Amino acid sequence: MNGELNGNHVIQSMDYNTNDNNNRQTVRLRAATYLSPSIPIEYFEIILDYLKTRLGYIDTSLRYESNTRNIIQVFADNEIDIAWISGTSHIQLAQKGKAALLPVSSVHIHPDAADSAGYYCDVIIHESLGSRVKCFAELRGCKWVYNASQSLTGHYITMKELRHLGENSSFFGHKQESASDLQSIHMILNRQSDATIVDSNCLQIFLARNP
């Protein structure tokens, strides 16, 4: 299963100030991420450090937000200039006319998708199910955990696959919301749930840190 979304960066505005040290204009870039802890905060710090190194005339700050319910207000109040957000949050912002999608983004390659860049997610199951579950349709009746009901990965792509199978959410024996992809992974490992679907970048980073 995979769904494509071309980028998840949005930008609103920038403030320009004079740098007294070199008498040149400095861009103050106020950034925020709504994707942590599933994607480590260090990832976004690296991107901002790269921009600062390459451009040389920006000051950056990074704000960590876990509450997506306030995202429209944050942009409306001009509190941030650029943010990493979910596809669902971007749609909400776009509908309100509060932000625009950047024409550039980092590129992530899925290990099973050759050189096809896009937005990917992976279904993972507890090892105890490995002998009998070989495809999504065989997850009927399982304990399913997902990150959030408004998530592109956790909800909308899953529902799309269920409709493709002629099923609905009653396909699963039990459903539980975890609040993050990272927590969903831990719930599978701790046998609190049987299966989940998570952002591929989150999964690859987790596997790299926990070989």
Foldseek 3Di string as FASTA:
>chain_A
DWDFDDFQKKFADWDWDADPVVRDIAIEAEEEEQAPPLPPPVVVVVVVVVCCVVVVRYDYDYYYDPDLVCVLVCLVVVVGTMYGDAPLSVVVNVVVVRIDGDPDHDWDDFPPRPPDTGWTKDKDFAPVCVVPDDDPLSQFAWEEEFADCSHCFFHVVVQVVQVVVVHGPNRYNHYYHQNHLVSRVVCRVVVVTTMGMHTRVSVVVVVVVPD
